[in-house]
Amino acid sequence: MENDFRVSGWAYFVYGAVSLIGFVIAFLFGVTQMPSYIALPFYIHALVNIVLVLNVFVLLSGYYLIKQNTNVHKFAFPIALVLLLSVPVGTVVGFLYLYQRAKNT
Protein backbone atom coordinates (compact mmCIF):
# COMPACT_ATOMS: atom_id res chain seq x y z
CA MET A 1 0.00 0.00 0.00
CA GLU A 2 1.38 3.33 -1.04
CA ASN A 3 1.50 6.10 1.54
CA ASP A 4 -1.00 8.65 0.26
CA PHE A 5 -0.15 11.16 2.99
CA ARG A 6 3.64 11.16 2.61
CA VAL A 7 3.78 14.66 1.11
CA SER A 8 1.55 16.20 3.76
CA GLY A 9 3.42 14.21 6.42
CA TRP A 10 6.71 15.73 5.35
CA ALA A 11 5.10 19.16 5.13
CA TYR A 12 3.75 18.79 8.68
CA PHE A 13 7.10 17.49 9.94
CA VAL A 14 9.21 20.23 8.38
CA TYR A 15 6.76 22.98 9.35
CA GLY A 16 6.54 21.65 12.90
CA ALA A 17 10.31 21.32 13.29
CA VAL A 18 11.11 24.77 11.89
CA SER A 19 8.36 26.50 13.84
CA LEU A 20 9.26 24.68 17.05
CA ILE A 21 12.95 25.55 16.77
CA GLY A 22 12.13 29.15 15.85
CA PHE A 23 9.65 29.42 18.69
CA VAL A 24 12.07 28.06 21.29
CA ILE A 25 14.89 30.33 20.10
CA ALA A 26 12.61 33.37 20.11
CA PHE A 27 11.31 32.43 23.55
CA LEU A 28 14.72 31.82 25.10
CA PHE A 29 16.50 34.82 23.63
CA GLY A 30 13.56 37.20 23.44
CA VAL A 31 10.84 36.86 26.01
CA THR A 32 12.86 35.43 28.88
CA GLN A 33 15.41 38.23 28.62
CA MET A 34 12.77 40.78 29.57
CA PRO A 35 13.25 41.97 33.16
CA SER A 36 9.51 41.77 33.84
CA TYR A 37 8.92 38.33 32.28
CA ILE A 38 7.33 36.93 35.44
CA ALA A 39 4.99 39.91 35.64
CA LEU A 40 3.40 39.21 32.25
CA PRO A 41 -0.34 38.52 32.40
CA PHE A 42 -1.61 34.95 32.68
CA TYR A 43 -3.15 34.95 29.21
CA ILE A 44 0.26 35.68 27.65
CA HIS A 45 1.77 32.68 29.45
CA ALA A 46 -1.21 30.54 28.39
CA LEU A 47 -0.87 31.67 24.76
CA VAL A 48 2.85 30.85 24.74
CA ASN A 49 2.15 27.35 26.09
CA ILE A 50 -0.67 26.74 23.60
CA VAL A 51 1.59 27.70 20.67
CA LEU A 52 4.35 25.43 22.01
CA VAL A 53 1.97 22.47 22.34
CA LEU A 54 0.52 23.11 18.87
CA ASN A 55 4.01 23.08 17.35
CA VAL A 56 4.80 19.78 19.08
CA PHE A 57 1.51 18.27 17.82
CA VAL A 58 2.27 19.38 14.26
CA LEU A 59 5.71 17.77 14.45
CA LEU A 60 4.34 14.50 15.87
CA SER A 61 1.46 14.41 13.40
CA GLY A 62 3.91 14.74 10.53
CA TYR A 63 6.05 11.94 11.90
CA TYR A 64 3.09 9.58 12.27
CA LEU A 65 1.69 10.53 8.86
CA ILE A 66 5.01 9.50 7.33
CA LYS A 67 4.93 6.24 9.32
CA GLN A 68 1.39 5.53 7.97
CA ASN A 69 -0.31 5.39 11.36
CA THR A 70 -4.07 5.34 10.75
CA ASN A 71 -4.98 6.88 14.11
CA VAL A 72 -3.05 10.10 13.44
CA HIS A 73 -5.88 11.46 11.29
CA LYS A 74 -7.89 12.12 14.46
CA PHE A 75 -5.26 14.72 15.40
CA ALA A 76 -4.04 15.82 11.97
CA PHE A 77 -7.46 17.01 10.79
CA PRO A 78 -8.08 19.52 13.63
CA ILE A 79 -4.46 20.64 13.42
CA ALA A 80 -4.92 21.31 9.69
CA LEU A 81 -7.93 23.47 10.47
CA VAL A 82 -5.91 25.49 13.00
CA LEU A 83 -2.96 25.75 10.59
CA LEU A 84 -5.23 27.38 8.02
CA LEU A 85 -5.15 30.47 10.28
CA SER A 86 -1.34 30.57 10.23
CA VAL A 87 -0.71 32.66 7.13
CA PRO A 88 1.12 32.04 4.72
CA VAL A 89 3.02 28.77 5.25
CA GLY A 90 0.61 27.16 7.70
CA THR A 91 -2.24 27.79 5.29
CA VAL A 92 -0.44 25.88 2.56
CA VAL A 93 0.44 22.99 4.89
CA GLY A 94 -3.08 22.77 6.27
CA PHE A 95 -4.66 22.98 2.81
CA LEU A 96 -2.30 20.29 1.50
CA TYR A 97 -3.42 17.84 4.19
CA LEU A 98 -7.09 18.69 3.71
CA TYR A 99 -6.76 18.27 -0.05
CA GLN A 100 -5.07 14.88 0.27
CA ARG A 101 -7.63 13.75 2.83
CA ALA A 102 -10.54 14.78 0.58
CA LYS A 103 -8.91 13.05 -2.39
CA ASN A 104 -8.37 9.78 -0.47
CA THR A 105 -11.79 9.48 1.15
PDB file of N, CA and C in Angstrom:
ATOM      1  N   MET A   1       0.836  -1.189   0.000  1.00  0.00           N
ATOM      2  CA  MET A   1       0.000   0.000   0.000  1.00  0.00           C
ATOM      3  C   MET A   1       0.876   1.246   0.000  1.00  0.00           C
ATOM      4  N   GLU A   2       0.601   2.107  -0.920  1.00  0.00           N
ATOM      5  CA  GLU A   2       1.378   3.330  -1.038  1.00  0.00           C
ATOM      6  C   GLU A   2       0.910   4.339   0.013  1.00  0.00           C
ATOM      7  N   ASN A   3       1.834   5.092   0.530  1.00  0.00           N
ATOM      8  CA  ASN A   3       1.504   6.096   1.540  1.00  0.00           C
ATOM      9  C   ASN A   3       0.954   7.331   0.840  1.00  0.00           C
ATOM     10  N   ASP A   4      -0.353   7.532   0.944  1.00  0.00           N
ATOM     11  CA  ASP A   4      -0.997   8.652   0.262  1.00  0.00           C
ATOM     12  C   ASP A   4      -0.740   9.982   0.960  1.00  0.00           C
ATOM     13  N   PHE A   5      -0.339   9.938   2.216  1.00  0.00           N
ATOM     14  CA  PHE A   5      -0.148  11.163   2.988  1.00  0.00           C
ATOM     15  C   PHE A   5       1.330  11.474   3.228  1.00  0.00           C
ATOM     16  N   ARG A   6       2.209  10.924   2.413  1.00  0.00           N
ATOM     17  CA  ARG A   6       3.644  11.160   2.614  1.00  0.00           C
ATOM     18  C   ARG A   6       4.010  12.632   2.413  1.00  0.00           C
ATOM     19  N   VAL A   7       3.453  13.254   1.396  1.00  0.00           N
ATOM     20  CA  VAL A   7       3.775  14.665   1.110  1.00  0.00           C
ATOM     21  C   VAL A   7       3.284  15.563   2.238  1.00  0.00           C
ATOM     22  N   SER A   8       2.054  15.369   2.660  1.00  0.00           N
ATOM     23  CA  SER A   8       1.551  16.199   3.760  1.00  0.00           C
ATOM     24  C   SER A   8       2.237  15.842   5.070  1.00  0.00           C
ATOM     25  N   GLY A   9       2.655  14.587   5.229  1.00  0.00           N
ATOM     26  CA  GLY A   9       3.419  14.206   6.422  1.00  0.00           C
ATOM     27  C   GLY A   9       4.747  14.939   6.501  1.00  0.00           C
ATOM     28  N   TRP A  10       5.441  14.991   5.370  1.00  0.00           N
ATOM     29  CA  TRP A  10       6.711  15.731   5.350  1.00  0.00           C
ATOM     30  C   TRP A  10       6.485  17.233   5.529  1.00  0.00           C
ATOM     31  N   ALA A  11       5.402  17.741   4.963  1.00  0.00           N
ATOM     32  CA  ALA A  11       5.097  19.165   5.130  1.00  0.00           C
ATOM     33  C   ALA A  11       4.808  19.471   6.600  1.00  0.00           C
ATOM     34  N   TYR A  12       4.025  18.626   7.253  1.00  0.00           N
ATOM     35  CA  TYR A  12       3.754  18.786   8.685  1.00  0.00           C
ATOM     36  C   TYR A  12       5.050  18.716   9.489  1.00  0.00           C
ATOM     37  N   PHE A  13       5.866  17.705   9.168  1.00  0.00           N
ATOM     38  CA  PHE A  13       7.096  17.486   9.944  1.00  0.00           C
ATOM     39  C   PHE A  13       8.051  18.656   9.816  1.00  0.00           C
ATOM     40  N   VAL A  14       8.280  19.111   8.599  1.00  0.00           N
ATOM     41  CA  VAL A  14       9.209  20.233   8.380  1.00  0.00           C
ATOM     42  C   VAL A  14       8.653  21.516   8.997  1.00  0.00           C
ATOM     43  N   TYR A  15       7.373  21.780   8.776  1.00  0.00           N
ATOM     44  CA  TYR A  15       6.758  22.975   9.347  1.00  0.00           C
ATOM     45  C   TYR A  15       6.809  22.938  10.877  1.00  0.00           C
ATOM     46  N   GLY A  16       6.502  21.785  11.448  1.00  0.00           N
ATOM     47  CA  GLY A  16       6.542  21.648  12.902  1.00  0.00           C
ATOM     48  C   GLY A  16       7.937  21.815  13.461  1.00  0.00           C
ATOM     49  N   ALA A  17       8.927  21.221  12.804  1.00  0.00           N
ATOM     50  CA  ALA A  17      10.307  21.322  13.291  1.00  0.00           C
ATOM     51  C   ALA A  17      10.826  22.754  13.204  1.00  0.00           C
ATOM     52  N   VAL A  18      10.614  23.397  12.064  1.00  0.00           N
ATOM     53  CA  VAL A  18      11.111  24.765  11.886  1.00  0.00           C
ATOM     54  C   VAL A  18      10.403  25.725  12.836  1.00  0.00           C
ATOM     55  N   SER A  19       9.091  25.592  12.959  1.00  0.00           N
ATOM     56  CA  SER A  19       8.359  26.504  13.841  1.00  0.00           C
ATOM     57  C   SER A  19       8.685  26.238  15.309  1.00  0.00           C
ATOM     58  N   LEU A  20       8.908  24.981  15.672  1.00  0.00           N
ATOM     59  CA  LEU A  20       9.260  24.675  17.053  1.00  0.00           C
ATOM     60  C   LEU A  20      10.641  25.217  17.405  1.00  0.00           C
ATOM     61  N   ILE A  21      11.601  25.029  16.525  1.00  0.00           N
ATOM     62  CA  ILE A  21      12.949  25.546  16.769  1.00  0.00           C
ATOM     63  C   ILE A  21      12.921  27.075  16.805  1.00  0.00           C
ATOM     64  N   GLY A  22      12.228  27.681  15.861  1.00  0.00           N
ATOM     65  CA  GLY A  22      12.126  29.146  15.849  1.00  0.00           C
ATOM     66  C   GLY A  22      11.425  29.680  17.078  1.00  0.00           C
ATOM     67  N   PHE A  23      10.388  28.991  17.505  1.00  0.00           N
ATOM     68  CA  PHE A  23       9.648  29.420  18.685  1.00  0.00           C
ATOM     69  C   PHE A  23      10.505  29.329  19.938  1.00  0.00           C
ATOM     70  N   VAL A  24      11.225  28.226  20.102  1.00  0.00           N
ATOM     71  CA  VAL A  24      12.072  28.056  21.289  1.00  0.00           C
ATOM     72  C   VAL A  24      13.200  29.077  21.305  1.00  0.00           C
ATOM     73  N   ILE A  25      13.821  29.326  20.166  1.00  0.00           N
ATOM     74  CA  ILE A  25      14.891  30.331  20.103  1.00  0.00           C
ATOM     75  C   ILE A  25      14.344  31.715  20.417  1.00  0.00           C
ATOM     76  N   ALA A  26      13.205  32.058  19.832  1.00  0.00           N
ATOM     77  CA  ALA A  26      12.605  33.369  20.107  1.00  0.00           C
ATOM     78  C   ALA A  26      12.205  33.493  21.572  1.00  0.00           C
ATOM     79  N   PHE A  27      11.716  32.408  22.145  1.00  0.00           N
ATOM     80  CA  PHE A  27      11.310  32.434  23.545  1.00  0.00           C
ATOM     81  C   PHE A  27      12.517  32.580  24.465  1.00  0.00           C
ATOM     82  N   LEU A  28      13.558  31.792  24.213  1.00  0.00           N
ATOM     83  CA  LEU A  28      14.721  31.817  25.104  1.00  0.00           C
ATOM     84  C   LEU A  28      15.508  33.119  25.009  1.00  0.00           C
ATOM     85  N   PHE A  29      15.673  33.632  23.798  1.00  0.00           N
ATOM     86  CA  PHE A  29      16.497  34.823  23.631  1.00  0.00           C
ATOM     87  C   PHE A  29      15.690  36.113  23.527  1.00  0.00           C
ATOM     88  N   GLY A  30      14.377  36.009  23.534  1.00  0.00           N
ATOM     89  CA  GLY A  30      13.555  37.199  23.436  1.00  0.00           C
ATOM     90  C   GLY A  30      12.759  37.467  24.687  1.00  0.00           C
ATOM     91  N   VAL A  31      11.784  36.622  24.924  1.00  0.00           N
ATOM     92  CA  VAL A  31      10.842  36.860  26.013  1.00  0.00           C
ATOM     93  C   VAL A  31      11.493  36.703  27.380  1.00  0.00           C
ATOM     94  N   THR A  32      12.285  35.677  27.551  1.00  0.00           N
ATOM     95  CA  THR A  32      12.860  35.434  28.881  1.00  0.00           C
ATOM     96  C   THR A  32      13.935  36.448  29.256  1.00  0.00           C
ATOM     97  N   GLN A  33      14.407  37.220  28.308  1.00  0.00           N
ATOM     98  CA  GLN A  33      15.408  38.233  28.615  1.00  0.00           C
ATOM     99  C   GLN A  33      14.785  39.530  29.114  1.00  0.00           C
ATOM    100  N   MET A  34      13.460  39.596  29.064  1.00  0.00           N
ATOM    101  CA  MET A  34      12.774  40.780  29.572  1.00  0.00           C
ATOM    102  C   MET A  34      12.864  40.788  31.092  1.00  0.00           C
ATOM    103  N   PRO A  35      13.135  41.935  31.691  1.00  0.00           N
ATOM    104  CA  PRO A  35      13.248  41.968  33.156  1.00  0.00           C
ATOM    105  C   PRO A  35      11.917  41.702  33.858  1.00  0.00           C
ATOM    106  N   SER A  36      10.807  41.963  33.201  1.00  0.00           N
ATOM    107  CA  SER A  36       9.510  41.768  33.842  1.00  0.00           C
ATOM    108  C   SER A  36       8.772  40.566  33.253  1.00  0.00           C
ATOM    109  N   TYR A  37       9.517  39.513  32.895  1.00  0.00           N
ATOM    110  CA  TYR A  37       8.915  38.330  32.277  1.00  0.00           C
ATOM    111  C   TYR A  37       7.906  37.667  33.217  1.00  0.00           C
ATOM    112  N   ILE A  38       8.224  37.570  34.477  1.00  0.00           N
ATOM    113  CA  ILE A  38       7.328  36.925  35.436  1.00  0.00           C
ATOM    114  C   ILE A  38       6.054  37.745  35.622  1.00  0.00           C
ATOM    115  N   ALA A  39       6.144  39.036  35.424  1.00  0.00           N
ATOM    116  CA  ALA A  39       4.993  39.913  35.640  1.00  0.00           C
ATOM    117  C   ALA A  39       4.038  39.966  34.447  1.00  0.00           C
ATOM    118  N   LEU A  40       4.309  39.222  33.393  1.00  0.00           N
ATOM    119  CA  LEU A  40       3.400  39.210  32.246  1.00  0.00           C
ATOM    120  C   LEU A  40       2.062  38.614  32.662  1.00  0.00           C
ATOM    121  N   PRO A  41       0.981  39.043  32.039  1.00  0.00           N
ATOM    122  CA  PRO A  41      -0.342  38.518  32.396  1.00  0.00           C
ATOM    123  C   PRO A  41      -0.460  37.015  32.130  1.00  0.00           C
ATOM    124  N   PHE A  42      -1.406  36.397  32.801  1.00  0.00           N
ATOM    125  CA  PHE A  42      -1.612  34.955  32.685  1.00  0.00           C
ATOM    126  C   PHE A  42      -1.939  34.547  31.251  1.00  0.00           C
ATOM    127  N   TYR A  43      -2.751  35.342  30.555  1.00  0.00           N
ATOM    128  CA  TYR A  43      -3.151  34.949  29.206  1.00  0.00           C
ATOM    129  C   TYR A  43      -1.969  34.929  28.245  1.00  0.00           C
ATOM    130  N   ILE A  44      -0.943  35.723  28.494  1.00  0.00           N
ATOM    131  CA  ILE A  44       0.260  35.677  27.653  1.00  0.00           C
ATOM    132  C   ILE A  44       1.001  34.360  27.886  1.00  0.00           C
ATOM    133  N   HIS A  45       1.135  33.962  29.147  1.00  0.00           N
ATOM    134  CA  HIS A  45       1.774  32.681  29.450  1.00  0.00           C
ATOM    135  C   HIS A  45       0.967  31.525  28.855  1.00  0.00           C
ATOM    136  N   ALA A  46      -0.352  31.590  28.951  1.00  0.00           N
ATOM    137  CA  ALA A  46      -1.206  30.535  28.390  1.00  0.00           C
ATOM    138  C   ALA A  46      -1.065  30.477  26.869  1.00  0.00           C
ATOM    139  N   LEU A  47      -1.021  31.622  26.211  1.00  0.00           N
ATOM    140  CA  LEU A  47      -0.870  31.667  24.762  1.00  0.00           C
ATOM    141  C   LEU A  47       0.471  31.079  24.324  1.00  0.00           C
ATOM    142  N   VAL A  48       1.529  31.395  25.049  1.00  0.00           N
ATOM    143  CA  VAL A  48       2.850  30.848  24.740  1.00  0.00           C
ATOM    144  C   VAL A  48       2.828  29.326  24.858  1.00  0.00           C
ATOM    145  N   ASN A  49       2.210  28.803  25.907  1.00  0.00           N
ATOM    146  CA  ASN A  49       2.153  27.355  26.094  1.00  0.00           C
ATOM    147  C   ASN A  49       1.278  26.678  25.039  1.00  0.00           C
ATOM    148  N   ILE A  50       0.193  27.313  24.632  1.00  0.00           N
ATOM    149  CA  ILE A  50      -0.672  26.742  23.596  1.00  0.00           C
ATOM    150  C   ILE A  50       0.075  26.662  22.267  1.00  0.00           C
ATOM    151  N   VAL A  51       0.816  27.703  21.920  1.00  0.00           N
ATOM    152  CA  VAL A  51       1.587  27.695  20.670  1.00  0.00           C
ATOM    153  C   VAL A  51       2.678  26.621  20.726  1.00  0.00           C
ATOM    154  N   LEU A  52       3.313  26.468  21.866  1.00  0.00           N
ATOM    155  CA  LEU A  52       4.345  25.435  22.013  1.00  0.00           C
ATOM    156  C   LEU A  52       3.747  24.046  21.838  1.00  0.00           C
ATOM    157  N   VAL A  53       2.618  23.778  22.464  1.00  0.00           N
ATOM    158  CA  VAL A  53       1.968  22.466  22.342  1.00  0.00           C
ATOM    159  C   VAL A  53       1.489  22.231  20.906  1.00  0.00           C
ATOM    160  N   LEU A  54       0.963  23.250  20.263  1.00  0.00           N
ATOM    161  CA  LEU A  54       0.522  23.111  18.869  1.00  0.00           C
ATOM    162  C   LEU A  54       1.699  22.750  17.963  1.00  0.00           C
ATOM    163  N   ASN A  55       2.836  23.388  18.165  1.00  0.00           N
ATOM    164  CA  ASN A  55       4.009  23.076  17.351  1.00  0.00           C
ATOM    165  C   ASN A  55       4.474  21.640  17.569  1.00  0.00           C
ATOM    166  N   VAL A  56       4.414  21.166  18.797  1.00  0.00           N
ATOM    167  CA  VAL A  56       4.797  19.778  19.075  1.00  0.00           C
ATOM    168  C   VAL A  56       3.812  18.818  18.410  1.00  0.00           C
ATOM    169  N   PHE A  57       2.518  19.121  18.466  1.00  0.00           N
ATOM    170  CA  PHE A  57       1.512  18.268  17.821  1.00  0.00           C
ATOM    171  C   PHE A  57       1.682  18.237  16.313  1.00  0.00           C
ATOM    172  N   VAL A  58       2.032  19.359  15.714  1.00  0.00           N
ATOM    173  CA  VAL A  58       2.266  19.382  14.261  1.00  0.00           C
ATOM    174  C   VAL A  58       3.455  18.492  13.911  1.00  0.00           C
ATOM    175  N   LEU A  59       4.519  18.586  14.682  1.00  0.00           N
ATOM    176  CA  LEU A  59       5.708  17.765  14.448  1.00  0.00           C
ATOM    177  C   LEU A  59       5.382  16.282  14.588  1.00  0.00           C
ATOM    178  N   LEU A  60       4.687  15.914  15.652  1.00  0.00           N
ATOM    179  CA  LEU A  60       4.343  14.502  15.867  1.00  0.00           C
ATOM    180  C   LEU A  60       3.350  13.992  14.828  1.00  0.00           C
ATOM    181  N   SER A  61       2.410  14.827  14.435  1.00  0.00           N
ATOM    182  CA  SER A  61       1.456  14.414  13.398  1.00  0.00           C
ATOM    183  C   SER A  61       2.176  14.143  12.082  1.00  0.00           C
ATOM    184  N   GLY A  62       3.123  14.979  11.746  1.00  0.00           N
ATOM    185  CA  GLY A  62       3.909  14.742  10.533  1.00  0.00           C
ATOM    186  C   GLY A  62       4.687  13.450  10.597  1.00  0.00           C
ATOM    187  N   TYR A  63       5.283  13.179  11.742  1.00  0.00           N
ATOM    188  CA  TYR A  63       6.045  11.942  11.904  1.00  0.00           C
ATOM    189  C   TYR A  63       5.142  10.720  11.727  1.00  0.00           C
ATOM    190  N   TYR A  64       3.982  10.738  12.361  1.00  0.00           N
ATOM    191  CA  TYR A  64       3.094   9.582  12.269  1.00  0.00           C
ATOM    192  C   TYR A  64       2.364   9.495  10.928  1.00  0.00           C
ATOM    193  N   LEU A  65       2.204  10.603  10.223  1.00  0.00           N
ATOM    194  CA  LEU A  65       1.688  10.530   8.857  1.00  0.00           C
ATOM    195  C   LEU A  65       2.692   9.849   7.939  1.00  0.00           C
ATOM    196  N   ILE A  66       3.965  10.144   8.131  1.00  0.00           N
ATOM    197  CA  ILE A  66       5.006   9.495   7.334  1.00  0.00           C
ATOM    198  C   ILE A  66       5.065   8.006   7.637  1.00  0.00           C
ATOM    199  N   LYS A  67       4.887   7.640   8.906  1.00  0.00           N
ATOM    200  CA  LYS A  67       4.929   6.238   9.323  1.00  0.00           C
ATOM    201  C   LYS A  67       3.633   5.484   9.035  1.00  0.00           C
ATOM    202  N   GLN A  68       2.652   6.117   8.413  1.00  0.00           N
ATOM    203  CA  GLN A  68       1.391   5.528   7.975  1.00  0.00           C
ATOM    204  C   GLN A  68       0.530   5.033   9.136  1.00  0.00           C
ATOM    205  N   ASN A  69       0.558   5.717  10.245  1.00  0.00           N
ATOM    206  CA  ASN A  69      -0.314   5.387  11.364  1.00  0.00           C
ATOM    207  C   ASN A  69      -1.722   5.873  11.031  1.00  0.00           C
ATOM    208  N   THR A  70      -2.702   4.972  11.132  1.00  0.00           N
ATOM    209  CA  THR A  70      -4.068   5.342  10.748  1.00  0.00           C
ATOM    210  C   THR A  70      -4.757   6.193  11.806  1.00  0.00           C
ATOM    211  N   ASN A  71      -4.336   6.121  13.040  1.00  0.00           N
ATOM    212  CA  ASN A  71      -4.981   6.881  14.108  1.00  0.00           C
ATOM    213  C   ASN A  71      -4.573   8.351  14.127  1.00  0.00           C
ATOM    214  N   VAL A  72      -3.543   8.717  13.405  1.00  0.00           N
ATOM    215  CA  VAL A  72      -3.052  10.098  13.438  1.00  0.00           C
ATOM    216  C   VAL A  72      -4.039  11.064  12.804  1.00  0.00           C
ATOM    217  N   HIS A  73      -4.934  10.571  11.968  1.00  0.00           N
ATOM    218  CA  HIS A  73      -5.878  11.458  11.290  1.00  0.00           C
ATOM    219  C   HIS A  73      -6.853  12.106  12.270  1.00  0.00           C
ATOM    220  N   LYS A  74      -7.039  11.509  13.436  1.00  0.00           N
ATOM    221  CA  LYS A  74      -7.892  12.119  14.464  1.00  0.00           C
ATOM    222  C   LYS A  74      -7.281  13.422  14.976  1.00  0.00           C
ATOM    223  N   PHE A  75      -5.959  13.519  14.946  1.00  0.00           N
ATOM    224  CA  PHE A  75      -5.262  14.724  15.396  1.00  0.00           C
ATOM    225  C   PHE A  75      -4.864  15.628  14.237  1.00  0.00           C
ATOM    226  N   ALA A  76      -4.536  15.032  13.105  1.00  0.00           N
ATOM    227  CA  ALA A  76      -4.042  15.818  11.971  1.00  0.00           C
ATOM    228  C   ALA A  76      -5.132  16.688  11.359  1.00  0.00           C
ATOM    229  N   PHE A  77      -6.371  16.220  11.372  1.00  0.00           N
ATOM    230  CA  PHE A  77      -7.456  17.010  10.793  1.00  0.00           C
ATOM    231  C   PHE A  77      -7.716  18.302  11.571  1.00  0.00           C
ATOM    232  N   PRO A  78      -7.895  18.256  12.903  1.00  0.00           N
ATOM    233  CA  PRO A  78      -8.077  19.523  13.627  1.00  0.00           C
ATOM    234  C   PRO A  78      -6.853  20.436  13.560  1.00  0.00           C
ATOM    235  N   ILE A  79      -5.674  19.831  13.531  1.00  0.00           N
ATOM    236  CA  ILE A  79      -4.462  20.640  13.417  1.00  0.00           C
ATOM    237  C   ILE A  79      -4.427  21.346  12.069  1.00  0.00           C
ATOM    238  N   ALA A  80      -4.865  20.671  11.005  1.00  0.00           N
ATOM    239  CA  ALA A  80      -4.916  21.305   9.685  1.00  0.00           C
ATOM    240  C   ALA A  80      -5.863  22.490   9.689  1.00  0.00           C
ATOM    241  N   LEU A  81      -6.982  22.356  10.390  1.00  0.00           N
ATOM    242  CA  LEU A  81      -7.927  23.473  10.470  1.00  0.00           C
ATOM    243  C   LEU A  81      -7.325  24.662  11.213  1.00  0.00           C
ATOM    244  N   VAL A  82      -6.563  24.400  12.260  1.00  0.00           N
ATOM    245  CA  VAL A  82      -5.906  25.488  12.998  1.00  0.00           C
ATOM    246  C   VAL A  82      -4.780  26.094  12.161  1.00  0.00           C
ATOM    247  N   LEU A  83      -4.065  25.253  11.422  1.00  0.00           N
ATOM    248  CA  LEU A  83      -2.962  25.751  10.588  1.00  0.00           C
ATOM    249  C   LEU A  83      -3.449  26.648   9.459  1.00  0.00           C
ATOM    250  N   LEU A  84      -4.703  26.502   9.057  1.00  0.00           N
ATOM    251  CA  LEU A  84      -5.234  27.384   8.017  1.00  0.00           C
ATOM    252  C   LEU A  84      -5.199  28.852   8.458  1.00  0.00           C
ATOM    253  N   LEU A  85      -5.198  29.098   9.758  1.00  0.00           N
ATOM    254  CA  LEU A  85      -5.145  30.466  10.277  1.00  0.00           C
ATOM    255  C   LEU A  85      -3.725  31.022  10.334  1.00  0.00           C
ATOM    256  N   SER A  86      -2.739  30.165  10.137  1.00  0.00           N
ATOM    257  CA  SER A  86      -1.340  30.565  10.234  1.00  0.00           C
ATOM    258  C   SER A  86      -0.828  30.934   8.841  1.00  0.00           C
ATOM    259  N   VAL A  87      -1.027  32.178   8.472  1.00  0.00           N
ATOM    260  CA  VAL A  87      -0.707  32.659   7.133  1.00  0.00           C
ATOM    261  C   VAL A  87       0.780  32.962   7.045  1.00  0.00           C
ATOM    262  N   PRO A  88       1.468  32.680   5.967  1.00  0.00           N
ATOM    263  CA  PRO A  88       1.118  32.037   4.717  1.00  0.00           C
ATOM    264  C   PRO A  88       1.484  30.556   4.672  1.00  0.00           C
ATOM    265  N   VAL A  89       2.524  30.141   5.404  1.00  0.00           N
ATOM    266  CA  VAL A  89       3.024  28.768   5.254  1.00  0.00           C
ATOM    267  C   VAL A  89       2.073  27.766   5.884  1.00  0.00           C
ATOM    268  N   GLY A  90       1.543  28.069   7.047  1.00  0.00           N
ATOM    269  CA  GLY A  90       0.612  27.158   7.704  1.00  0.00           C
ATOM    270  C   GLY A  90      -0.636  26.926   6.883  1.00  0.00           C
ATOM    271  N   THR A  91      -1.068  27.930   6.156  1.00  0.00           N
ATOM    272  CA  THR A  91      -2.236  27.791   5.291  1.00  0.00           C
ATOM    273  C   THR A  91      -1.965  26.774   4.191  1.00  0.00           C
ATOM    274  N   VAL A  92      -0.796  26.828   3.615  1.00  0.00           N
ATOM    275  CA  VAL A  92      -0.436  25.885   2.557  1.00  0.00           C
ATOM    276  C   VAL A  92      -0.342  24.466   3.118  1.00  0.00           C
ATOM    277  N   VAL A  93       0.285  24.319   4.277  1.00  0.00           N
ATOM    278  CA  VAL A  93       0.441  22.994   4.891  1.00  0.00           C
ATOM    279  C   VAL A  93      -0.917  22.425   5.271  1.00  0.00           C
ATOM    280  N   GLY A  94      -1.756  23.230   5.898  1.00  0.00           N
ATOM    281  CA  GLY A  94      -3.083  22.767   6.271  1.00  0.00           C
ATOM    282  C   GLY A  94      -3.939  22.420   5.064  1.00  0.00           C
ATOM    283  N   PHE A  95      -3.887  23.246   4.026  1.00  0.00           N
ATOM    284  CA  PHE A  95      -4.656  22.976   2.813  1.00  0.00           C
ATOM    285  C   PHE A  95      -4.163  21.716   2.121  1.00  0.00           C
ATOM    286  N   LEU A  96      -2.860  21.480   2.135  1.00  0.00           N
ATOM    287  CA  LEU A  96      -2.303  20.288   1.500  1.00  0.00           C
ATOM    288  C   LEU A  96      -2.845  19.024   2.163  1.00  0.00           C
ATOM    289  N   TYR A  97      -2.871  19.003   3.492  1.00  0.00           N
ATOM    290  CA  TYR A  97      -3.419  17.835   4.185  1.00  0.00           C
ATOM    291  C   TYR A  97      -4.905  17.678   3.891  1.00  0.00           C
ATOM    292  N   LEU A  98      -5.655  18.768   3.964  1.00  0.00           N
ATOM    293  CA  LEU A  98      -7.093  18.689   3.714  1.00  0.00           C
ATOM    294  C   LEU A  98      -7.385  18.234   2.280  1.00  0.00           C
ATOM    295  N   TYR A  99      -6.589  18.693   1.335  1.00  0.00           N
ATOM    296  CA  TYR A  99      -6.760  18.269  -0.054  1.00  0.00           C
ATOM    297  C   TYR A  99      -6.486  16.774  -0.214  1.00  0.00           C
ATOM    298  N   GLN A 100      -5.388  16.308   0.380  1.00  0.00           N
ATOM    299  CA  GLN A 100      -5.073  14.882   0.268  1.00  0.00           C
ATOM    300  C   GLN A 100      -6.102  14.023   1.001  1.00  0.00           C
ATOM    301  N   ARG A 101      -6.616  14.513   2.103  1.00  0.00           N
ATOM    302  CA  ARG A 101      -7.635  13.749   2.834  1.00  0.00           C
ATOM    303  C   ARG A 101      -8.935  13.678   2.025  1.00  0.00           C
ATOM    304  N   ALA A 102      -9.323  14.776   1.390  1.00  0.00           N
ATOM    305  CA  ALA A 102     -10.544  14.777   0.580  1.00  0.00           C
ATOM    306  C   ALA A 102     -10.365  13.890  -0.652  1.00  0.00           C
ATOM    307  N   LYS A 103      -9.168  13.862  -1.193  1.00  0.00           N
ATOM    308  CA  LYS A 103      -8.908  13.051  -2.386  1.00  0.00           C
ATOM    309  C   LYS A 103      -8.918  11.561  -2.057  1.00  0.00           C
ATOM    310  N   ASN A 104      -8.499  11.193  -0.849  1.00  0.00           N
ATOM    311  CA  ASN A 104      -8.366   9.784  -0.471  1.00  0.00           C
ATOM    312  C   ASN A 104      -9.601   9.217   0.217  1.00  0.00           C
ATOM    313  N   THR A 105     -10.602  10.037   0.489  1.00  0.00           N
ATOM    314  CA  THR A 105     -11.790   9.481   1.151  1.00  0.00           C
ATOM    315  C   THR A 105     -12.960   9.381   0.201  1.00  0.00           C
TER     316      THR A 105
END
